Protein backbone atom coordinates (compact mmCIF):
# COMPACT_ATOMS: atom_id res chain seq x y z
CA UNK A 1 117.64 92.62 99.42
CA UNK A 2 117.69 96.02 101.09
CA UNK A 3 118.21 96.05 104.85
CA UNK A 4 116.02 98.67 106.54
CA UNK A 5 116.82 100.06 109.97
CA UNK A 6 114.44 102.32 111.90
CA UNK A 7 115.74 104.62 114.61
CA UNK A 8 113.35 106.22 117.11
CA UNK A 9 114.51 109.53 118.57
CA UNK A 10 112.97 111.61 121.37
CA UNK A 11 110.17 113.73 119.93
CA UNK A 12 107.42 112.68 117.57
CA UNK A 13 106.51 112.65 113.91
CA UNK A 14 103.09 114.20 113.36
CA UNK A 15 100.22 111.69 113.61
CA UNK A 16 99.76 111.65 109.82
CA UNK A 17 103.43 111.87 108.91
CA UNK A 18 104.93 108.59 110.10
CA UNK A 19 105.29 106.13 107.23
CA UNK A 20 103.84 102.64 107.06
CA UNK A 21 106.85 100.38 106.54
CA UNK A 22 106.38 97.03 104.85
CA UNK A 23 109.50 95.54 106.37
CA UNK A 24 111.92 96.48 109.15
CA UNK A 25 115.08 94.47 109.74
CA UNK A 26 116.32 96.22 112.87
CA UNK A 27 114.55 98.72 115.14
CA UNK A 28 116.67 100.87 117.45
CA UNK A 29 115.49 103.30 120.11
CA UNK A 30 117.83 106.17 120.96
CA UNK A 31 117.20 106.86 124.65
CA UNK A 32 113.71 108.39 125.09
CA UNK A 33 112.90 107.36 121.52
CA UNK A 34 111.80 104.16 123.25
CA UNK A 35 108.66 106.00 124.41
CA UNK A 36 107.84 107.00 120.84
CA UNK A 37 108.16 103.41 119.65
CA UNK A 38 105.90 102.29 122.48
CA UNK A 39 103.27 104.93 121.63
CA UNK A 40 103.32 103.81 118.00
CA UNK A 41 103.03 100.19 119.08
CA UNK A 42 106.31 99.27 117.36
CA UNK A 43 108.73 96.56 118.43
CA UNK A 44 112.26 97.60 119.41
CA UNK A 45 115.28 95.32 119.12
CA UNK A 46 117.86 97.58 120.76
CA UNK A 47 117.92 100.53 123.16
CA UNK A 48 121.03 102.75 123.04
CA UNK A 49 122.39 105.95 124.53
CA UNK A 50 123.25 107.43 127.90
CA UNK A 51 119.64 106.79 129.01
CA UNK A 52 119.34 110.14 130.78
CA UNK A 53 115.93 110.90 129.25
CA UNK A 54 114.07 107.62 129.05
CA UNK A 55 112.71 107.55 132.59
CA UNK A 56 112.83 104.82 135.21
CA UNK A 57 109.54 103.15 134.28
CA UNK A 58 110.29 102.98 130.56
CA UNK A 59 113.77 101.64 131.19
CA UNK A 60 112.31 98.97 133.46
CA UNK A 61 109.79 98.09 130.74
CA UNK A 62 112.60 97.72 128.19
CA UNK A 63 114.53 95.43 130.50
CA UNK A 64 111.41 93.38 131.31
CA UNK A 65 110.81 92.92 127.58
CA UNK A 66 114.30 91.52 127.15
CA UNK A 67 115.40 94.31 124.82
CA UNK A 68 119.15 94.51 124.29
CA UNK A 69 120.58 97.66 125.89
CA UNK A 70 123.79 99.47 124.99
CA UNK A 71 124.18 102.10 127.71
CA UNK A 72 126.89 104.70 127.25
CA UNK A 73 128.37 107.19 129.76
CA UNK A 74 126.83 110.69 129.73
CA UNK A 75 130.19 112.30 128.94
CA UNK A 76 130.55 110.85 125.45
CA UNK A 77 131.51 112.43 122.15
CA UNK A 78 128.72 110.86 120.07
CA UNK A 79 125.05 111.74 120.37
CA UNK A 80 122.53 108.98 121.03
CA UNK A 81 121.46 109.23 117.37
CA UNK A 82 125.04 108.67 116.24
CA UNK A 83 125.33 105.61 118.48
CA UNK A 84 122.12 104.25 116.96
CA UNK A 85 123.41 104.89 113.44
CA UNK A 86 126.61 102.99 114.18
CA UNK A 87 124.54 100.00 115.27
CA UNK A 88 122.42 100.26 112.11
CA UNK A 89 125.58 100.24 109.98
CA UNK A 90 126.90 97.18 111.78
CA UNK A 91 123.57 95.46 111.09
CA UNK A 92 124.20 96.03 107.37
CA UNK A 93 121.53 98.67 106.85
CA UNK A 94 121.42 100.33 103.46
CA UNK A 95 118.22 102.24 104.27
CA UNK A 96 117.66 104.28 107.43
CA UNK A 97 114.32 105.69 108.56
CA UNK A 98 114.38 108.08 111.52
CA UNK A 99 111.22 108.85 113.48
CA UNK A 100 111.04 111.69 116.00
CA UNK A 101 113.71 114.24 116.81
CA UNK A 102 111.55 117.38 116.47
CA UNK A 103 109.53 119.50 118.87
CA UNK A 104 112.24 119.96 121.46
CA UNK A 105 115.45 121.98 121.51
CA UNK A 106 116.46 123.74 118.30
CA UNK A 107 120.12 122.77 118.75
CA UNK A 108 119.13 119.10 118.97
CA UNK A 109 117.13 119.38 115.75
CA UNK A 110 120.01 121.13 113.96
CA UNK A 111 122.46 118.50 115.24
CA UNK A 112 120.20 115.68 114.02
CA UNK A 113 120.02 117.22 110.53
CA UNK A 114 123.80 117.64 110.48
CA UNK A 115 124.31 113.99 111.45
CA UNK A 116 121.79 112.68 108.92
CA UNK A 117 123.48 114.59 106.09
CA UNK A 118 127.02 113.82 107.27
CA UNK A 119 129.61 111.26 106.15
CA UNK A 120 128.57 108.72 108.79
CA UNK A 121 125.69 107.80 106.49
CA UNK A 122 127.50 107.69 103.15
CA UNK A 123 126.09 104.85 101.08
CA UNK A 124 122.84 104.63 103.07
CA UNK A 125 119.47 105.93 101.88
CA UNK A 126 118.15 108.23 104.60
CA UNK A 127 114.70 109.60 105.30
CA UNK A 128 113.47 111.15 108.51
CA UNK A 129 110.05 112.13 109.81
CA UNK A 130 110.51 115.05 112.18
CA UNK A 131 107.27 116.54 113.48
CA UNK A 132 105.10 117.18 110.40
CA UNK A 133 108.13 117.26 108.09
CA UNK A 134 109.84 114.64 105.99
CA UNK A 135 113.56 114.97 105.29
CA UNK A 136 115.15 113.04 102.43
CA UNK A 137 118.93 113.11 102.30
CA UNK A 138 120.07 112.97 98.68
CA UNK A 139 123.58 111.95 97.69
CA UNK A 140 122.76 110.79 94.16
CA UNK A 141 119.14 110.44 93.01
CA UNK A 142 115.83 110.18 94.83
CA UNK A 143 112.18 109.95 93.85
CA UNK A 144 110.10 111.98 96.33
CA UNK A 145 106.42 111.40 97.12
CA UNK A 146 104.35 114.56 97.08
CA UNK A 147 101.21 116.21 95.80
CA UNK A 148 100.72 119.25 93.55
CA UNK A 149 101.16 122.43 95.59
CA UNK A 150 103.08 120.79 98.46
CA UNK A 151 106.21 122.77 99.39
CA UNK A 152 109.67 121.22 99.33
CA UNK A 153 113.00 122.94 100.02
CA UNK A 154 116.36 121.75 98.71
CA UNK A 155 119.32 122.75 100.86
CA UNK A 156 123.00 121.88 100.57
CA UNK A 157 124.94 120.59 103.57
CA UNK A 158 128.65 120.37 104.24
CA UNK A 159 129.65 122.33 101.15
CA UNK A 160 128.34 123.06 97.68
CA UNK A 161 126.19 120.48 95.89
CA UNK A 162 126.88 120.34 92.16
CA UNK A 163 124.86 119.04 89.25
CA UNK A 164 121.50 119.40 91.00
CA UNK A 165 118.64 118.61 88.64
CA UNK A 166 114.93 118.20 89.31
CA UNK A 167 111.80 116.90 87.62
CA UNK A 168 108.26 117.47 88.82
CA UNK A 169 108.90 120.75 90.66
CA UNK A 170 107.47 124.17 89.83
CA UNK A 171 110.89 125.81 89.52
CA UNK A 172 113.15 123.24 87.89
CA UNK A 173 116.89 123.04 88.30
CA UNK A 174 119.21 121.74 85.60
CA UNK A 175 122.80 120.90 86.57
CA UNK A 176 122.63 123.71 89.14
CA UNK A 177 124.95 124.41 92.04
CA UNK A 178 123.44 124.83 95.50
CA UNK A 179 125.88 126.44 97.90
CA UNK A 180 125.83 125.62 101.60
CA UNK A 181 124.44 128.67 103.34
CA UNK A 182 122.31 129.65 100.34
CA UNK A 183 118.51 129.64 100.38
CA UNK A 184 118.21 129.29 96.60
CA UNK A 185 116.36 125.96 96.83
CA UNK A 186 113.87 127.08 99.47
CA UNK A 187 110.08 126.84 98.95
CA UNK A 188 109.85 125.00 95.67
CA UNK A 189 106.60 123.11 94.97
CA UNK A 190 105.51 119.74 93.65
CA UNK A 191 103.55 119.87 90.39
CA UNK A 192 102.88 116.12 90.37
CA UNK A 193 102.50 113.18 92.73
CA UNK A 194 106.26 112.59 92.62
CA UNK A 195 109.40 114.57 91.94
CA UNK A 196 112.90 113.42 91.04
CA UNK A 197 115.94 115.13 92.53
CA UNK A 198 119.49 114.21 91.57
CA UNK A 199 122.93 115.52 92.48
CA UNK A 200 126.28 114.67 90.91
CA UNK A 201 128.40 115.64 93.92
CA UNK A 202 127.72 116.87 97.42
CA UNK A 203 124.73 116.33 99.72
CA UNK A 204 121.35 118.03 99.78
CA UNK A 205 118.32 117.64 102.00
CA UNK A 206 114.85 117.75 100.52
CA UNK A 207 112.65 119.02 103.33
CA UNK A 208 108.90 118.66 102.88
CA UNK A 209 107.48 120.66 105.80
CA UNK A 210 103.96 119.20 105.74
CA UNK A 211 103.54 115.60 104.67
CA UNK A 212 100.31 115.00 106.57
CA UNK A 213 98.20 114.86 103.41
CA UNK A 214 100.65 112.76 101.39
CA UNK A 215 100.47 108.99 101.14
CA UNK A 216 103.75 107.91 102.72
CA UNK A 217 103.53 104.12 102.64
CA UNK A 218 106.89 102.61 101.77
């Protein structure tokens, strides 16, 4: 059975974008992501990070609730998201859902995307809900939920992605190469309720900028 981990990061998914998850095995708040979990009414098993953003009252609430806390020094090499991912891996997660992480600093958003598409998450299915956008990280094959006319962009990370093929998109790709730094896969469109994207080597992100009108139950 798949083990699903949810990580809450500072910032919010749009009110219509956050998915309804049937089952969560471990829920981790990365620093001020604890506030997002609280606003959504979601239980948190673990709070991690340097805790420089959570606030005194929220930290006290976490402690009062008996939530396990892994506090790290501010001068650390890993981001709070990376610390949370390491905990998810140790919990045996093979699916990771990230909520939040948008609406603040651009460098933080870029760093989060880099981490989610990086080797730390090899072998784990990754999806993230950042503001109004959904990000699916594709290392092999993924079926994406959509709706005709909804925009989706396919971008390579960490080097060229080879053998990229799609079904259910307006401009199909067949065993194509997407180079990192190229915008070739930008602004494609769904032509059906789902699309299939596969890659033979490399990593791509499928970014759906507006998922508010899509059914995202998982």
